């Protein structure tokens, strides 16, 4: 019996890892919230304030996973599921297009660039516009050892001119800021020769960009969500 238990242990451990790696389906729910006490009971289930819509005295909407739904039921709070799988719903909104296209393209993470794709974008900018953008350089490393990359856009005329720093993706689940920064960088580079405003900014400013301030969090989001 002891030898059988030893033989089964690795299998059970592997199964545990497999089940834990499965992605949880996150739902959007609707709840009638008559008073502040009810709202506090909803917060006590672990439901996050982010994504909450509505106000006390009427219907409110929340984002909840399996555990939170169980806690709502345990506390006797009735709810209605209005979106069964939020991730799937948002996936359907991503327009079709080439992934990781140079310039104003789409990334493979719900339309956003992954951390690795951001680096590919920076390298592509340097390859195409070596006189206007520096090679990416690391300003340090994250807690998990990932490099935090920075690049500077400026022409030979911008030396000694005022400097500005753009940073993005401080919060792991907010890639829109990173996409805006990347798109702005491409706009400056692609329009430098034809657009007076772009030329002025590149010639009269030293513009520094850190598109991903929080690479650890962003990689965690990539590996745990669709």
C-alpha atoms as a PDB file:
ATOM      1  CA  UNK A   1       0.000   0.000   0.000  1.00  0.00           C
ATOM      2  CA  UNK A   2       2.837   2.375   0.846  1.00  0.00           C
ATOM      3  CA  UNK A   3       4.515   1.763  -2.520  1.00  0.00           C
ATOM      4  CA  UNK A   4       1.200   2.387  -4.319  1.00  0.00           C
ATOM      5  CA  UNK A   5       0.831   5.703  -2.514  1.00  0.00           C
ATOM      6  CA  UNK A   6       4.319   6.715  -3.571  1.00  0.00           C
ATOM      7  CA  UNK A   7       3.499   5.752  -7.156  1.00  0.00           C
ATOM      8  CA  UNK A   8       0.231   7.726  -7.148  1.00  0.00           C
ATOM      9  CA  UNK A   9       1.665  10.887  -5.579  1.00  0.00           C
ATOM     10  CA  UNK A  10       3.370  12.256  -8.734  1.00  0.00           C
ATOM     11  CA  UNK A  11       0.236  11.589 -10.788  1.00  0.00           C
ATOM     12  CA  UNK A  12      -2.005  13.384  -8.298  1.00  0.00           C
ATOM     13  CA  UNK A  13       0.441  16.286  -8.166  1.00  0.00           C
ATOM     14  CA  UNK A  14       0.454  16.555 -11.964  1.00  0.00           C
ATOM     15  CA  UNK A  15      -3.336  16.501 -12.068  1.00  0.00           C
ATOM     16  CA  UNK A  16      -3.463  19.236  -9.440  1.00  0.00           C
ATOM     17  CA  UNK A  17      -1.170  21.411 -11.524  1.00  0.00           C
ATOM     18  CA  UNK A  18      -3.209  20.762 -14.649  1.00  0.00           C
ATOM     19  CA  UNK A  19      -6.479  21.742 -13.013  1.00  0.00           C
ATOM     20  CA  UNK A  20      -4.958  24.803 -11.348  1.00  0.00           C
ATOM     21  CA  UNK A  21      -3.583  25.948 -14.711  1.00  0.00           C
ATOM     22  CA  UNK A  22      -7.039  25.976 -16.260  1.00  0.00           C
ATOM     23  CA  UNK A  23      -8.275  29.486 -16.842  1.00  0.00           C
ATOM     24  CA  UNK A  24     -11.208  30.597 -14.778  1.00  0.00           C
ATOM     25  CA  UNK A  25     -14.193  31.994 -16.628  1.00  0.00           C
ATOM     26  CA  UNK A  26     -14.979  35.495 -15.430  1.00  0.00           C
ATOM     27  CA  UNK A  27     -18.582  36.658 -15.686  1.00  0.00           C
ATOM     28  CA  UNK A  28     -20.412  39.958 -15.579  1.00  0.00           C
ATOM     29  CA  UNK A  29     -23.363  39.907 -13.218  1.00  0.00           C
ATOM     30  CA  UNK A  30     -26.231  42.158 -12.243  1.00  0.00           C
ATOM     31  CA  UNK A  31     -27.331  42.586  -8.618  1.00  0.00           C
ATOM     32  CA  UNK A  32     -30.042  44.661  -6.970  1.00  0.00           C
ATOM     33  CA  UNK A  33     -28.316  46.752  -4.288  1.00  0.00           C
ATOM     34  CA  UNK A  34     -30.943  48.410  -2.070  1.00  0.00           C
ATOM     35  CA  UNK A  35     -28.580  49.859   0.524  1.00  0.00           C
ATOM     36  CA  UNK A  36     -24.976  50.367   1.582  1.00  0.00           C
ATOM     37  CA  UNK A  37     -25.050  47.305   3.836  1.00  0.00           C
ATOM     38  CA  UNK A  38     -25.792  45.084   0.854  1.00  0.00           C
ATOM     39  CA  UNK A  39     -22.982  46.699  -1.110  1.00  0.00           C
ATOM     40  CA  UNK A  40     -20.546  46.052   1.729  1.00  0.00           C
ATOM     41  CA  UNK A  41     -21.608  42.401   1.766  1.00  0.00           C
ATOM     42  CA  UNK A  42     -20.911  42.234  -1.963  1.00  0.00           C
ATOM     43  CA  UNK A  43     -17.432  43.716  -1.477  1.00  0.00           C
ATOM     44  CA  UNK A  44     -16.765  41.181   1.284  1.00  0.00           C
ATOM     45  CA  UNK A  45     -17.002  38.335  -1.242  1.00  0.00           C
ATOM     46  CA  UNK A  46     -13.786  39.513  -2.890  1.00  0.00           C
ATOM     47  CA  UNK A  47     -15.433  41.203  -5.864  1.00  0.00           C
ATOM     48  CA  UNK A  48     -13.217  44.056  -6.973  1.00  0.00           C
ATOM     49  CA  UNK A  49     -14.357  47.655  -7.362  1.00  0.00           C
ATOM     50  CA  UNK A  50     -12.945  47.683 -10.875  1.00  0.00           C
ATOM     51  CA  UNK A  51     -15.711  47.020 -13.381  1.00  0.00           C
ATOM     52  CA  UNK A  52     -18.534  47.964 -11.006  1.00  0.00           C
ATOM     53  CA  UNK A  53     -21.334  49.944 -12.672  1.00  0.00           C
ATOM     54  CA  UNK A  54     -24.424  51.534 -11.145  1.00  0.00           C
ATOM     55  CA  UNK A  55     -25.245  52.921  -7.727  1.00  0.00           C
ATOM     56  CA  UNK A  56     -26.850  51.981  -4.434  1.00  0.00           C
ATOM     57  CA  UNK A  57     -30.645  51.963  -4.581  1.00  0.00           C
ATOM     58  CA  UNK A  58     -30.840  50.214  -7.942  1.00  0.00           C
ATOM     59  CA  UNK A  59     -29.226  47.598 -10.147  1.00  0.00           C
ATOM     60  CA  UNK A  60     -25.440  47.370 -10.195  1.00  0.00           C
ATOM     61  CA  UNK A  61     -23.117  45.318 -12.364  1.00  0.00           C
ATOM     62  CA  UNK A  62     -19.965  43.547 -11.190  1.00  0.00           C
ATOM     63  CA  UNK A  63     -17.214  41.318 -12.556  1.00  0.00           C
ATOM     64  CA  UNK A  64     -16.954  38.038 -10.672  1.00  0.00           C
ATOM     65  CA  UNK A  65     -15.194  34.694 -10.833  1.00  0.00           C
ATOM     66  CA  UNK A  66     -16.301  31.346  -9.488  1.00  0.00           C
ATOM     67  CA  UNK A  67     -15.264  31.957  -5.897  1.00  0.00           C
ATOM     68  CA  UNK A  68     -17.020  35.325  -5.714  1.00  0.00           C
ATOM     69  CA  UNK A  69     -20.209  33.830  -7.143  1.00  0.00           C
ATOM     70  CA  UNK A  70     -20.122  31.094  -4.514  1.00  0.00           C
ATOM     71  CA  UNK A  71     -19.678  33.691  -1.802  1.00  0.00           C
ATOM     72  CA  UNK A  72     -22.618  35.721  -3.105  1.00  0.00           C
ATOM     73  CA  UNK A  73     -24.814  32.633  -3.000  1.00  0.00           C
ATOM     74  CA  UNK A  74     -23.556  31.723   0.465  1.00  0.00           C
ATOM     75  CA  UNK A  75     -24.472  35.208   1.679  1.00  0.00           C
ATOM     76  CA  UNK A  76     -27.939  34.979   0.173  1.00  0.00           C
ATOM     77  CA  UNK A  77     -27.331  37.689  -2.426  1.00  0.00           C
ATOM     78  CA  UNK A  78     -29.245  37.050  -5.632  1.00  0.00           C
ATOM     79  CA  UNK A  79     -27.545  37.835  -8.927  1.00  0.00           C
ATOM     80  CA  UNK A  80     -28.138  37.476 -12.647  1.00  0.00           C
ATOM     81  CA  UNK A  81     -25.376  36.542 -15.077  1.00  0.00           C
ATOM     82  CA  UNK A  82     -25.529  38.917 -18.046  1.00  0.00           C
ATOM     83  CA  UNK A  83     -22.204  38.013 -19.694  1.00  0.00           C
ATOM     84  CA  UNK A  84     -21.152  34.392 -19.286  1.00  0.00           C
ATOM     85  CA  UNK A  85     -17.522  34.815 -20.403  1.00  0.00           C
ATOM     86  CA  UNK A  86     -16.102  38.347 -20.473  1.00  0.00           C
ATOM     87  CA  UNK A  87     -12.803  37.296 -22.058  1.00  0.00           C
ATOM     88  CA  UNK A  88     -14.604  35.583 -24.922  1.00  0.00           C
ATOM     89  CA  UNK A  89     -16.820  38.625 -25.435  1.00  0.00           C
ATOM     90  CA  UNK A  90     -13.852  40.966 -25.722  1.00  0.00           C
ATOM     91  CA  UNK A  91     -12.008  38.578 -28.021  1.00  0.00           C
ATOM     92  CA  UNK A  92     -14.876  38.923 -30.458  1.00  0.00           C
ATOM     93  CA  UNK A  93     -14.389  42.692 -30.556  1.00  0.00           C
ATOM     94  CA  UNK A  94     -10.777  42.537 -31.716  1.00  0.00           C
ATOM     95  CA  UNK A  95     -10.706  43.453 -35.417  1.00  0.00           C
ATOM     96  CA  UNK A  96      -9.079  41.044 -37.814  1.00  0.00           C
ATOM     97  CA  UNK A  97      -5.668  42.110 -38.993  1.00  0.00           C
ATOM     98  CA  UNK A  98      -2.008  41.132 -39.225  1.00  0.00           C
ATOM     99  CA  UNK A  99      -0.396  40.400 -35.877  1.00  0.00           C
ATOM    100  CA  UNK A 100       2.670  42.433 -34.938  1.00  0.00           C
ATOM    101  CA  UNK A 101       2.537  44.446 -38.156  1.00  0.00           C
ATOM    102  CA  UNK A 102       5.144  47.193 -38.421  1.00  0.00           C
ATOM    103  CA  UNK A 103       3.676  50.561 -37.548  1.00  0.00           C
ATOM    104  CA  UNK A 104       0.060  50.788 -36.510  1.00  0.00           C
ATOM    105  CA  UNK A 105      -0.641  47.066 -36.322  1.00  0.00           C
ATOM    106  CA  UNK A 106      -2.130  44.616 -33.852  1.00  0.00           C
ATOM    107  CA  UNK A 107      -0.499  42.428 -31.260  1.00  0.00           C
ATOM    108  CA  UNK A 108      -1.282  38.819 -30.467  1.00  0.00           C
ATOM    109  CA  UNK A 109      -2.624  39.543 -26.959  1.00  0.00           C
ATOM    110  CA  UNK A 110      -6.200  40.586 -27.619  1.00  0.00           C
ATOM    111  CA  UNK A 111      -4.935  43.062 -30.196  1.00  0.00           C
ATOM    112  CA  UNK A 112      -2.252  44.426 -27.862  1.00  0.00           C
ATOM    113  CA  UNK A 113       1.454  43.772 -28.192  1.00  0.00           C
ATOM    114  CA  UNK A 114       3.005  41.272 -25.823  1.00  0.00           C
ATOM    115  CA  UNK A 115       6.157  42.290 -23.976  1.00  0.00           C
ATOM    116  CA  UNK A 116       8.286  40.478 -26.573  1.00  0.00           C
ATOM    117  CA  UNK A 117       6.375  42.129 -29.413  1.00  0.00           C
ATOM    118  CA  UNK A 118       7.024  45.547 -27.853  1.00  0.00           C
ATOM    119  CA  UNK A 119      10.745  44.824 -28.050  1.00  0.00           C
ATOM    120  CA  UNK A 120      10.351  43.793 -31.682  1.00  0.00           C
ATOM    121  CA  UNK A 121       8.625  47.105 -32.373  1.00  0.00           C
ATOM    122  CA  UNK A 122      11.472  49.070 -30.779  1.00  0.00           C
ATOM    123  CA  UNK A 123      14.027  47.093 -32.770  1.00  0.00           C
ATOM    124  CA  UNK A 124      12.082  47.685 -35.990  1.00  0.00           C
ATOM    125  CA  UNK A 125      11.968  51.429 -35.306  1.00  0.00           C
ATOM    126  CA  UNK A 126      15.722  51.484 -34.817  1.00  0.00           C
ATOM    127  CA  UNK A 127      16.281  49.472 -38.006  1.00  0.00           C
ATOM    128  CA  UNK A 128      14.112  51.766 -40.136  1.00  0.00           C
ATOM    129  CA  UNK A 129      14.963  55.132 -38.544  1.00  0.00           C
ATOM    130  CA  UNK A 130      18.479  54.873 -37.063  1.00  0.00           C
ATOM    131  CA  UNK A 131      19.012  58.647 -37.263  1.00  0.00           C
ATOM    132  CA  UNK A 132      15.900  59.410 -35.219  1.00  0.00           C
ATOM    133  CA  UNK A 133      15.673  56.761 -32.491  1.00  0.00           C
ATOM    134  CA  UNK A 134      18.265  55.171 -30.250  1.00  0.00           C
ATOM    135  CA  UNK A 135      18.722  51.457 -29.793  1.00  0.00           C
ATOM    136  CA  UNK A 136      16.735  50.260 -26.805  1.00  0.00           C
ATOM    137  CA  UNK A 137      18.713  50.235 -23.586  1.00  0.00           C
ATOM    138  CA  UNK A 138      17.999  48.742 -20.170  1.00  0.00           C
ATOM    139  CA  UNK A 139      17.654  51.107 -17.223  1.00  0.00           C
ATOM    140  CA  UNK A 140      17.532  48.223 -14.749  1.00  0.00           C
ATOM    141  CA  UNK A 141      15.771  44.989 -14.022  1.00  0.00           C
ATOM    142  CA  UNK A 142      12.452  44.024 -12.519  1.00  0.00           C
ATOM    143  CA  UNK A 143      11.998  41.892  -9.401  1.00  0.00           C
ATOM    144  CA  UNK A 144      11.919  38.796 -11.601  1.00  0.00           C
ATOM    145  CA  UNK A 145      14.984  39.831 -13.578  1.00  0.00           C
ATOM    146  CA  UNK A 146      13.400  41.205 -16.747  1.00  0.00           C
ATOM    147  CA  UNK A 147      15.057  44.208 -18.350  1.00  0.00           C
ATOM    148  CA  UNK A 148      13.129  47.496 -18.316  1.00  0.00           C
ATOM    149  CA  UNK A 149      13.765  49.010 -21.732  1.00  0.00           C
ATOM    150  CA  UNK A 150      14.015  52.656 -22.763  1.00  0.00           C
ATOM    151  CA  UNK A 151      14.530  54.358 -26.127  1.00  0.00           C
ATOM    152  CA  UNK A 152      14.977  57.996 -27.144  1.00  0.00           C
ATOM    153  CA  UNK A 153      13.525  59.753 -30.167  1.00  0.00           C
ATOM    154  CA  UNK A 154      15.325  62.884 -31.329  1.00  0.00           C
ATOM    155  CA  UNK A 155      17.253  64.139 -34.337  1.00  0.00           C
ATOM    156  CA  UNK A 156      20.802  65.476 -34.362  1.00  0.00           C
ATOM    157  CA  UNK A 157      19.268  68.923 -33.802  1.00  0.00           C
ATOM    158  CA  UNK A 158      17.637  67.903 -30.508  1.00  0.00           C
ATOM    159  CA  UNK A 159      20.873  67.600 -28.540  1.00  0.00           C
ATOM    160  CA  UNK A 160      20.695  69.827 -25.471  1.00  0.00           C
ATOM    161  CA  UNK A 161      16.988  70.536 -26.009  1.00  0.00           C
ATOM    162  CA  UNK A 162      14.327  69.956 -23.294  1.00  0.00           C
ATOM    163  CA  UNK A 163      13.682  66.344 -22.357  1.00  0.00           C
ATOM    164  CA  UNK A 164      10.412  64.537 -21.726  1.00  0.00           C
ATOM    165  CA  UNK A 165       9.730  61.026 -20.428  1.00  0.00           C
ATOM    166  CA  UNK A 166       6.767  58.873 -21.462  1.00  0.00           C
ATOM    167  CA  UNK A 167       6.025  55.743 -19.447  1.00  0.00           C
ATOM    168  CA  UNK A 168       3.295  53.124 -19.786  1.00  0.00           C
ATOM    169  CA  UNK A 169       2.036  49.819 -18.425  1.00  0.00           C
ATOM    170  CA  UNK A 170       2.543  50.598 -14.767  1.00  0.00           C
ATOM    171  CA  UNK A 171      -0.554  48.454 -14.150  1.00  0.00           C
ATOM    172  CA  UNK A 172      -0.358  44.960 -15.625  1.00  0.00           C
ATOM    173  CA  UNK A 173      -3.879  44.935 -17.072  1.00  0.00           C
ATOM    174  CA  UNK A 174      -3.766  48.326 -18.783  1.00  0.00           C
ATOM    175  CA  UNK A 175      -1.958  47.778 -22.110  1.00  0.00           C
ATOM    176  CA  UNK A 176      -3.832  50.573 -23.919  1.00  0.00           C
ATOM    177  CA  UNK A 177      -1.318  53.123 -22.607  1.00  0.00           C
ATOM    178  CA  UNK A 178       1.552  51.062 -23.987  1.00  0.00           C
ATOM    179  CA  UNK A 179      -0.146  50.813 -27.380  1.00  0.00           C
ATOM    180  CA  UNK A 180      -0.672  54.581 -27.409  1.00  0.00           C
ATOM    181  CA  UNK A 181       3.001  55.162 -26.631  1.00  0.00           C
ATOM    182  CA  UNK A 182       4.129  52.782 -29.395  1.00  0.00           C
ATOM    183  CA  UNK A 183       1.730  54.338 -31.898  1.00  0.00           C
ATOM    184  CA  UNK A 184       2.933  57.842 -30.975  1.00  0.00           C
ATOM    185  CA  UNK A 185       6.531  56.746 -31.512  1.00  0.00           C
ATOM    186  CA  UNK A 186       5.671  55.393 -34.951  1.00  0.00           C
ATOM    187  CA  UNK A 187       3.781  58.585 -35.781  1.00  0.00           C
ATOM    188  CA  UNK A 188       6.819  60.718 -34.964  1.00  0.00           C
ATOM    189  CA  UNK A 189       9.153  58.549 -37.003  1.00  0.00           C
ATOM    190  CA  UNK A 190       6.942  57.983 -40.020  1.00  0.00           C
ATOM    191  CA  UNK A 191       5.878  61.635 -40.291  1.00  0.00           C
ATOM    192  CA  UNK A 192       9.165  63.357 -39.500  1.00  0.00           C
ATOM    193  CA  UNK A 193       9.967  64.042 -43.139  1.00  0.00           C
ATOM    194  CA  UNK A 194       6.508  65.272 -44.138  1.00  0.00           C
ATOM    195  CA  UNK A 195       4.698  66.688 -41.108  1.00  0.00           C
ATOM    196  CA  UNK A 196       5.899  70.037 -39.633  1.00  0.00           C
ATOM    197  CA  UNK A 197       4.563  69.206 -36.167  1.00  0.00           C
ATOM    198  CA  UNK A 198       6.319  65.836 -36.055  1.00  0.00           C
ATOM    199  CA  UNK A 199       9.525  67.419 -37.323  1.00  0.00           C
ATOM    200  CA  UNK A 200       9.362  70.158 -34.681  1.00  0.00           C
ATOM    201  CA  UNK A 201       8.894  67.646 -31.856  1.00  0.00           C
ATOM    202  CA  UNK A 202      11.739  65.425 -33.039  1.00  0.00           C
ATOM    203  CA  UNK A 203      14.104  68.360 -33.632  1.00  0.00           C
ATOM    204  CA  UNK A 204      13.300  70.317 -30.480  1.00  0.00           C
ATOM    205  CA  UNK A 205      12.725  67.656 -27.842  1.00  0.00           C
ATOM    206  CA  UNK A 206      14.583  64.654 -26.510  1.00  0.00           C
ATOM    207  CA  UNK A 207      11.716  62.237 -26.003  1.00  0.00           C
ATOM    208  CA  UNK A 208      12.345  59.179 -23.852  1.00  0.00           C
ATOM    209  CA  UNK A 209       9.975  56.191 -23.867  1.00  0.00           C
ATOM    210  CA  UNK A 210       9.578  53.297 -21.433  1.00  0.00           C
ATOM    211  CA  UNK A 211       6.640  51.387 -22.968  1.00  0.00           C
ATOM    212  CA  UNK A 212       6.548  48.670 -20.290  1.00  0.00           C
ATOM    213  CA  UNK A 213       7.359  49.821 -16.764  1.00  0.00           C
ATOM    214  CA  UNK A 214       5.969  46.623 -15.225  1.00  0.00           C
ATOM    215  CA  UNK A 215       7.167  43.683 -17.351  1.00  0.00           C
ATOM    216  CA  UNK A 216       6.612  41.121 -14.575  1.00  0.00           C
ATOM    217  CA  UNK A 217       2.963  42.040 -14.148  1.00  0.00           C
ATOM    218  CA  UNK A 218       2.369  42.186 -17.882  1.00  0.00           C
ATOM    219  CA  UNK A 219       3.913  38.764 -18.407  1.00  0.00           C
ATOM    220  CA  UNK A 220       1.744  37.426 -15.580  1.00  0.00           C
ATOM    221  CA  UNK A 221      -1.314  38.798 -17.360  1.00  0.00           C
ATOM    222  CA  UNK A 222      -0.230  37.186 -20.611  1.00  0.00           C
ATOM    223  CA  UNK A 223       0.282  33.767 -19.083  1.00  0.00           C
ATOM    224  CA  UNK A 224      -2.877  33.715 -16.961  1.00  0.00           C
ATOM    225  CA  UNK A 225      -5.441  35.312 -19.304  1.00  0.00           C
ATOM    226  CA  UNK A 226      -6.503  34.863 -22.891  1.00  0.00           C
END
